[in-house]
Amino acid sequence: MDGKLFARIGAIVFVAVAITATAIEMTRKEEEPAAAVSARVQETATDPLRAAQRRCQLLGETAARDTECLRVWAATRDRFLGVAPAPRQPAEGL
């Protein structure tokens, strides 16, 4: 009978520790470094490509036919892939 008693006490202690650890983890707040947050906010505030992306997003399906949105998406793709944009050719006859 003493073996069953120790097993029950062990199980109760295990459950209590598990509940305590869960409660602590749920109440803990994860904090980002202040430098990372300010850099991200500053980047989005001054990035004209990001503003153009938002504009195209708001256009919805119409953006697929908008030449400016097509240009913005090409620039976004180039930035993501790390490709330098091709230099623009001057229009002939100007």
Protein backbone atom coordinates (compact mmCIF):
# COMPACT_ATOMS: atom_id res chain seq x y z
CA MET A 1 0.00 0.00 0.00
CA ASP A 2 2.87 2.38 0.61
CA GLY A 3 3.92 2.09 -3.05
CA LYS A 4 0.50 3.25 -4.23
CA LEU A 5 0.58 6.17 -1.83
CA PHE A 6 3.96 7.35 -3.11
CA ALA A 7 2.79 6.98 -6.70
CA ARG A 8 -0.27 9.13 -6.00
CA ILE A 9 1.79 11.78 -4.22
CA GLY A 10 4.27 11.76 -7.11
CA ALA A 11 1.46 12.18 -9.64
CA ILE A 12 -0.07 15.05 -7.67
CA VAL A 13 3.30 16.80 -7.42
CA PHE A 14 3.90 16.31 -11.16
CA VAL A 15 0.49 17.77 -12.08
CA ALA A 16 1.02 20.72 -9.71
CA VAL A 17 4.41 21.50 -11.26
CA ALA A 18 2.97 21.22 -14.78
CA ILE A 19 0.08 23.57 -13.95
CA THR A 20 2.44 26.07 -12.33
CA ALA A 21 4.81 26.03 -15.32
CA THR A 22 1.89 26.50 -17.72
CA ALA A 23 0.53 29.43 -15.72
CA ILE A 24 3.93 31.11 -15.64
CA GLU A 25 4.44 30.64 -19.39
CA MET A 26 1.00 32.01 -20.23
CA THR A 27 1.49 35.17 -18.18
CA ARG A 28 5.00 35.89 -19.44
CA LYS A 29 5.29 38.73 -21.95
CA GLU A 30 7.88 38.49 -24.68
CA GLU A 31 9.63 41.77 -25.26
CA GLU A 32 11.36 42.75 -28.48
CA PRO A 33 14.52 44.78 -28.29
CA ALA A 34 13.71 48.47 -28.67
CA ALA A 35 16.21 48.86 -31.52
CA ALA A 36 14.48 46.22 -33.63
CA VAL A 37 11.06 47.80 -33.15
CA SER A 38 12.23 51.33 -33.95
CA ALA A 39 14.17 50.17 -37.02
CA ARG A 40 11.10 48.38 -38.37
CA VAL A 41 8.85 51.40 -37.78
CA GLN A 42 11.37 53.76 -39.35
CA GLU A 43 11.77 51.51 -42.40
CA THR A 44 8.05 51.32 -43.11
CA ALA A 45 7.55 55.03 -42.55
CA THR A 46 10.13 56.13 -45.13
CA ASP A 47 9.86 53.38 -47.75
CA PRO A 48 8.05 54.71 -50.86
CA LEU A 49 7.85 51.20 -52.33
CA ARG A 50 5.91 50.07 -49.27
CA ALA A 51 3.45 52.95 -49.70
CA ALA A 52 2.97 52.03 -53.36
CA GLN A 53 2.37 48.39 -52.38
CA ARG A 54 -0.36 49.51 -49.97
CA ARG A 55 -1.97 51.59 -52.72
CA CYS A 56 -2.00 48.61 -55.07
CA GLN A 57 -3.40 46.40 -52.32
CA LEU A 58 -6.30 48.79 -51.87
CA LEU A 59 -7.05 48.73 -55.60
CA GLY A 60 -7.90 45.03 -55.44
CA GLU A 61 -8.45 43.34 -58.83
CA THR A 62 -7.99 46.63 -60.65
CA ALA A 63 -4.32 46.58 -59.68
CA ALA A 64 -3.69 43.74 -62.14
CA ARG A 65 -4.37 46.18 -64.99
CA ASP A 66 -2.64 49.19 -63.42
CA THR A 67 0.78 49.86 -65.01
CA GLU A 68 2.10 51.53 -61.86
CA CYS A 69 1.18 48.47 -59.77
CA LEU A 70 2.88 46.19 -62.28
CA ARG A 71 6.02 48.34 -61.95
CA VAL A 72 5.78 48.24 -58.14
CA TRP A 73 5.41 44.46 -58.11
CA ALA A 74 8.43 44.09 -60.40
CA ALA A 75 10.48 46.33 -58.09
CA THR A 76 9.29 44.33 -55.07
CA ARG A 77 10.26 41.05 -56.74
CA ASP A 78 13.68 42.44 -57.66
CA ARG A 79 14.25 43.66 -54.11
CA PHE A 80 13.24 40.29 -52.67
CA LEU A 81 15.48 38.35 -55.06
CA GLY A 82 18.37 40.79 -54.64
CA VAL A 83 18.42 41.64 -58.34
CA ALA A 84 19.51 45.12 -59.38
CA PRO A 85 16.82 46.77 -61.49
CA ALA A 86 17.64 47.09 -65.18
CA PRO A 87 18.45 50.63 -66.27
CA ARG A 88 15.61 52.31 -68.12
CA GLN A 89 16.12 52.83 -71.82
CA PRO A 90 15.37 56.32 -73.09
CA ALA A 91 12.32 56.39 -75.31
CA GLU A 92 13.18 56.82 -78.97
CA GLY A 93 11.91 59.89 -80.74
CA LEU A 94 12.12 62.21 -77.74
